[in-house]
Amino acid sequence: MGLGLKKNDTVLIITGDEKGKKGRVLDVDPDKNRLLVERLNMIKKHMKPSKKYSQGGIIEKEAPVHMSNVMLVCPKCSKPTRIGNSVLENGKKIRSCRKCGEVVD
């Protein structure tokens, strides 16, 4: 499925509890079609003390969101948009905004 979203893209959540909120993509898992969005879809996880969490306790962290539940926000027109793909003359693939036609990469 892979909707062409990459790390550091700005996305808008279009469904669920976080609907209407914008955030930056922290990580993409193309195999599961999921991504982590900064400070959105937060969960509480109970952690045992370890080297990483010496205190342990309840940790708040981002949970993955399915790619179909987000839309890319165009950096040029600042509107949520679908991603258009095209190939330049030199053979390089680019992503573009379907609303304003601007290159996203």
N, C-alpha and C. Protein backbone atom coordinates (compact mmCIF):
# COMPACT_ATOMS: atom_id res chain seq x y z
N MET A 1 0.84 -1.19 0.00
CA MET A 1 0.00 0.00 0.00
C MET A 1 0.87 1.23 0.00
N GLY A 2 1.76 1.41 0.95
CA GLY A 2 2.71 2.52 1.05
C GLY A 2 2.28 3.81 0.37
N LEU A 3 1.89 4.79 1.14
CA LEU A 3 1.34 6.02 0.57
C LEU A 3 2.39 7.08 0.29
N GLY A 4 3.67 6.73 0.33
CA GLY A 4 4.72 7.69 0.01
C GLY A 4 5.04 8.65 1.13
N LEU A 5 4.72 8.31 2.35
CA LEU A 5 5.06 9.17 3.49
C LEU A 5 6.46 8.83 3.98
N LYS A 6 7.19 9.87 4.39
CA LYS A 6 8.56 9.69 4.85
C LYS A 6 8.75 10.34 6.20
N LYS A 7 9.86 10.02 6.84
CA LYS A 7 10.23 10.62 8.11
C LYS A 7 10.34 12.14 7.95
N ASN A 8 9.90 12.88 8.95
CA ASN A 8 9.92 14.35 9.01
C ASN A 8 8.85 15.03 8.14
N ASP A 9 7.96 14.27 7.48
CA ASP A 9 6.81 14.87 6.80
C ASP A 9 5.83 15.37 7.85
N THR A 10 5.08 16.42 7.51
CA THR A 10 4.00 16.87 8.39
C THR A 10 2.71 16.23 7.89
N VAL A 11 1.97 15.62 8.81
CA VAL A 11 0.74 14.93 8.43
C VAL A 11 -0.43 15.41 9.27
N LEU A 12 -1.64 15.22 8.74
CA LEU A 12 -2.88 15.54 9.42
C LEU A 12 -3.61 14.23 9.68
N ILE A 13 -4.05 14.02 10.92
CA ILE A 13 -4.82 12.82 11.26
C ILE A 13 -6.25 13.06 10.78
N ILE A 14 -6.81 12.13 9.99
CA ILE A 14 -8.14 12.35 9.42
C ILE A 14 -9.24 11.50 10.06
N THR A 15 -8.87 10.53 10.91
CA THR A 15 -9.88 9.73 11.61
C THR A 15 -9.42 9.42 13.02
N GLY A 16 -10.35 9.01 13.86
CA GLY A 16 -10.02 8.55 15.21
C GLY A 16 -10.06 9.65 16.25
N ASP A 17 -9.54 9.34 17.44
CA ASP A 17 -9.57 10.26 18.57
C ASP A 17 -8.77 11.53 18.32
N GLU A 18 -7.71 11.45 17.53
CA GLU A 18 -6.82 12.58 17.28
C GLU A 18 -7.18 13.34 16.00
N LYS A 19 -8.38 13.13 15.47
CA LYS A 19 -8.81 13.73 14.20
C LYS A 19 -8.62 15.24 14.19
N GLY A 20 -8.03 15.76 13.11
CA GLY A 20 -7.84 17.19 12.95
C GLY A 20 -6.52 17.72 13.48
N LYS A 21 -5.70 16.87 14.10
CA LYS A 21 -4.43 17.33 14.66
C LYS A 21 -3.29 17.08 13.67
N LYS A 22 -2.30 17.98 13.68
CA LYS A 22 -1.14 17.86 12.81
C LYS A 22 0.08 17.45 13.63
N GLY A 23 0.99 16.74 13.00
CA GLY A 23 2.22 16.35 13.66
C GLY A 23 3.28 15.93 12.66
N ARG A 24 4.49 15.75 13.18
CA ARG A 24 5.63 15.37 12.34
C ARG A 24 5.84 13.87 12.46
N VAL A 25 6.13 13.21 11.34
CA VAL A 25 6.36 11.77 11.32
C VAL A 25 7.73 11.48 11.93
N LEU A 26 7.74 10.61 12.95
CA LEU A 26 8.99 10.23 13.61
C LEU A 26 9.59 8.96 13.02
N ASP A 27 8.72 8.02 12.63
CA ASP A 27 9.20 6.73 12.15
C ASP A 27 8.15 6.12 11.24
N VAL A 28 8.59 5.39 10.22
CA VAL A 28 7.67 4.74 9.27
C VAL A 28 7.97 3.25 9.25
N ASP A 29 6.92 2.43 9.34
CA ASP A 29 7.05 0.97 9.22
C ASP A 29 6.30 0.55 7.96
N PRO A 30 6.99 0.46 6.81
CA PRO A 30 6.30 0.16 5.55
C PRO A 30 5.72 -1.26 5.49
N ASP A 31 6.29 -2.20 6.25
CA ASP A 31 5.78 -3.57 6.24
C ASP A 31 4.38 -3.65 6.84
N LYS A 32 4.14 -2.89 7.92
CA LYS A 32 2.84 -2.90 8.59
C LYS A 32 1.97 -1.72 8.20
N ASN A 33 2.47 -0.84 7.29
CA ASN A 33 1.74 0.37 6.86
C ASN A 33 1.37 1.25 8.05
N ARG A 34 2.32 1.42 8.97
CA ARG A 34 2.07 2.24 10.16
C ARG A 34 3.18 3.26 10.32
N LEU A 35 2.86 4.35 11.05
CA LEU A 35 3.87 5.36 11.33
C LEU A 35 3.64 5.98 12.69
N LEU A 36 4.71 6.53 13.26
CA LEU A 36 4.63 7.23 14.54
C LEU A 36 4.57 8.72 14.27
N VAL A 37 3.61 9.40 14.89
CA VAL A 37 3.47 10.85 14.73
C VAL A 37 3.80 11.49 16.07
N GLU A 38 4.64 12.52 16.02
CA GLU A 38 5.14 13.18 17.23
C GLU A 38 4.00 13.72 18.09
N ARG A 39 3.97 13.29 19.38
CA ARG A 39 3.02 13.74 20.40
C ARG A 39 1.55 13.47 20.05
N LEU A 40 1.27 12.52 19.17
CA LEU A 40 -0.11 12.13 18.86
C LEU A 40 -0.29 10.64 19.09
N ASN A 41 -1.53 10.24 19.42
CA ASN A 41 -1.88 8.85 19.73
C ASN A 41 -1.03 8.33 20.89
N MET A 42 -0.98 9.11 21.97
CA MET A 42 -0.16 8.76 23.13
C MET A 42 -0.81 7.63 23.93
N ILE A 43 0.03 6.71 24.41
CA ILE A 43 -0.42 5.62 25.26
C ILE A 43 0.42 5.63 26.53
N LYS A 44 -0.10 4.99 27.58
CA LYS A 44 0.66 4.82 28.82
C LYS A 44 1.12 3.37 28.87
N LYS A 45 2.41 3.19 29.09
CA LYS A 45 2.98 1.84 29.13
C LYS A 45 3.65 1.63 30.48
N HIS A 46 3.32 0.52 31.12
CA HIS A 46 3.91 0.19 32.42
C HIS A 46 5.25 -0.50 32.18
N MET A 47 6.33 0.13 32.68
CA MET A 47 7.68 -0.39 32.42
C MET A 47 8.34 -0.84 33.72
N LYS A 48 9.02 -1.99 33.64
CA LYS A 48 9.84 -2.44 34.76
C LYS A 48 11.14 -1.64 34.76
N PRO A 49 11.78 -1.48 35.90
CA PRO A 49 13.07 -0.81 35.90
C PRO A 49 14.08 -1.58 35.03
N SER A 50 14.83 -0.84 34.22
CA SER A 50 15.85 -1.45 33.35
C SER A 50 16.98 -0.44 33.19
N LYS A 51 17.93 -0.74 32.34
CA LYS A 51 19.02 0.20 32.10
C LYS A 51 18.49 1.49 31.48
N LYS A 52 17.56 1.35 30.55
CA LYS A 52 17.01 2.53 29.87
C LYS A 52 16.10 3.33 30.80
N TYR A 53 15.24 2.63 31.56
CA TYR A 53 14.33 3.29 32.51
C TYR A 53 14.70 2.83 33.91
N SER A 54 15.67 3.51 34.53
CA SER A 54 16.16 3.06 35.83
C SER A 54 15.08 3.13 36.90
N GLN A 55 14.17 4.10 36.80
CA GLN A 55 13.10 4.25 37.78
C GLN A 55 11.94 3.29 37.51
N GLY A 56 11.67 3.02 36.22
CA GLY A 56 10.50 2.21 35.87
C GLY A 56 9.25 3.05 35.99
N GLY A 57 8.09 2.44 36.13
CA GLY A 57 6.85 3.18 36.31
C GLY A 57 6.05 3.28 35.03
N ILE A 58 5.19 4.30 34.94
CA ILE A 58 4.30 4.47 33.80
C ILE A 58 4.93 5.47 32.84
N ILE A 59 5.20 5.02 31.62
CA ILE A 59 5.83 5.84 30.58
C ILE A 59 4.78 6.21 29.54
N GLU A 60 4.77 7.47 29.10
CA GLU A 60 3.88 7.88 28.00
C GLU A 60 4.68 7.88 26.72
N LYS A 61 4.16 7.23 25.68
CA LYS A 61 4.85 7.20 24.40
C LYS A 61 3.85 7.17 23.26
N GLU A 62 4.33 7.45 22.05
CA GLU A 62 3.47 7.44 20.87
C GLU A 62 3.18 6.01 20.44
N ALA A 63 1.93 5.78 20.01
CA ALA A 63 1.57 4.49 19.45
C ALA A 63 1.47 4.67 17.93
N PRO A 64 1.72 3.61 17.16
CA PRO A 64 1.66 3.73 15.70
C PRO A 64 0.24 4.00 15.20
N VAL A 65 0.16 4.74 14.10
CA VAL A 65 -1.11 5.06 13.44
C VAL A 65 -1.05 4.45 12.05
N HIS A 66 -2.16 3.94 11.54
CA HIS A 66 -2.17 3.37 10.20
C HIS A 66 -2.05 4.48 9.16
N MET A 67 -1.30 4.21 8.09
CA MET A 67 -1.06 5.22 7.05
C MET A 67 -2.35 5.73 6.40
N SER A 68 -3.38 4.90 6.35
CA SER A 68 -4.62 5.30 5.70
C SER A 68 -5.38 6.34 6.53
N ASN A 69 -4.97 6.53 7.79
CA ASN A 69 -5.66 7.48 8.67
C ASN A 69 -4.99 8.85 8.71
N VAL A 70 -3.99 9.08 7.85
CA VAL A 70 -3.31 10.37 7.81
C VAL A 70 -3.22 10.88 6.37
N MET A 71 -3.07 12.20 6.23
CA MET A 71 -2.82 12.82 4.93
C MET A 71 -1.63 13.74 5.06
N LEU A 72 -0.82 13.79 4.02
CA LEU A 72 0.33 14.69 3.98
C LEU A 72 -0.14 16.14 3.93
N VAL A 73 0.51 17.02 4.69
CA VAL A 73 0.23 18.45 4.62
C VAL A 73 1.30 19.07 3.73
N CYS A 74 0.88 19.71 2.63
CA CYS A 74 1.80 20.30 1.67
C CYS A 74 2.55 21.46 2.32
N PRO A 75 3.90 21.48 2.22
CA PRO A 75 4.66 22.58 2.81
C PRO A 75 4.41 23.92 2.11
N LYS A 76 4.00 23.89 0.84
CA LYS A 76 3.79 25.12 0.08
C LYS A 76 2.42 25.74 0.36
N CYS A 77 1.34 24.95 0.17
CA CYS A 77 -0.01 25.49 0.31
C CYS A 77 -0.63 25.21 1.68
N SER A 78 0.05 24.45 2.54
CA SER A 78 -0.39 24.13 3.91
C SER A 78 -1.76 23.47 3.97
N LYS A 79 -2.12 22.71 2.94
CA LYS A 79 -3.40 21.99 2.92
C LYS A 79 -3.12 20.49 2.91
N PRO A 80 -4.01 19.70 3.53
CA PRO A 80 -3.85 18.25 3.43
C PRO A 80 -4.10 17.80 2.01
N THR A 81 -3.25 16.93 1.51
CA THR A 81 -3.34 16.55 0.11
C THR A 81 -2.92 15.10 -0.10
N ARG A 82 -3.33 14.56 -1.23
CA ARG A 82 -2.81 13.26 -1.65
C ARG A 82 -1.45 13.51 -2.29
N ILE A 83 -0.67 12.45 -2.46
CA ILE A 83 0.67 12.58 -2.99
C ILE A 83 0.68 12.08 -4.43
N GLY A 84 1.16 12.92 -5.33
CA GLY A 84 1.33 12.51 -6.73
C GLY A 84 2.77 12.09 -6.95
N ASN A 85 2.98 11.05 -7.75
CA ASN A 85 4.33 10.58 -8.07
C ASN A 85 4.59 10.82 -9.54
N SER A 86 5.78 11.29 -9.86
CA SER A 86 6.16 11.45 -11.26
C SER A 86 7.66 11.23 -11.38
N VAL A 87 8.10 10.99 -12.62
CA VAL A 87 9.51 10.73 -12.89
C VAL A 87 10.03 11.87 -13.76
N LEU A 88 11.16 12.46 -13.35
CA LEU A 88 11.78 13.53 -14.12
C LEU A 88 12.52 12.94 -15.33
N GLU A 89 12.99 13.84 -16.20
CA GLU A 89 13.70 13.39 -17.41
C GLU A 89 14.96 12.60 -17.07
N ASN A 90 15.62 12.98 -15.97
CA ASN A 90 16.86 12.29 -15.58
C ASN A 90 16.60 10.95 -14.87
N GLY A 91 15.33 10.55 -14.73
CA GLY A 91 14.98 9.28 -14.13
C GLY A 91 14.73 9.32 -12.64
N LYS A 92 14.81 10.51 -12.03
CA LYS A 92 14.60 10.63 -10.59
C LYS A 92 13.10 10.71 -10.30
N LYS A 93 12.65 9.94 -9.27
CA LYS A 93 11.24 9.98 -8.86
C LYS A 93 11.04 11.12 -7.87
N ILE A 94 9.92 11.84 -8.00
CA ILE A 94 9.61 12.92 -7.07
C ILE A 94 8.18 12.77 -6.58
N ARG A 95 7.92 13.33 -5.39
CA ARG A 95 6.56 13.40 -4.84
C ARG A 95 6.06 14.82 -5.05
N SER A 96 4.79 14.95 -5.40
CA SER A 96 4.24 16.29 -5.61
C SER A 96 2.86 16.41 -4.97
N CYS A 97 2.47 17.66 -4.69
CA CYS A 97 1.17 17.96 -4.11
C CYS A 97 0.12 17.88 -5.21
N ARG A 98 -0.99 17.20 -4.92
CA ARG A 98 -2.06 17.08 -5.92
C ARG A 98 -2.90 18.35 -6.02
N LYS A 99 -2.80 19.24 -5.02
CA LYS A 99 -3.62 20.47 -5.04
C LYS A 99 -2.91 21.61 -5.75
N CYS A 100 -1.63 21.86 -5.39
CA CYS A 100 -0.95 23.01 -5.99
C CYS A 100 0.12 22.59 -7.01
N GLY A 101 0.42 21.30 -7.08
CA GLY A 101 1.40 20.82 -8.06
C GLY A 101 2.85 21.00 -7.64
N GLU A 102 3.10 21.55 -6.46
CA GLU A 102 4.46 21.83 -5.99
C GLU A 102 5.16 20.51 -5.62
N VAL A 103 6.47 20.47 -5.85
CA VAL A 103 7.27 19.30 -5.48
C VAL A 103 7.43 19.27 -3.96
N VAL A 104 7.18 18.11 -3.33
CA VAL A 104 7.22 17.98 -1.89
C VAL A 104 8.63 17.71 -1.40
N ASP A 105 9.41 16.92 -2.13
CA ASP A 105 10.77 16.53 -1.69
C ASP A 105 11.72 17.70 -1.66
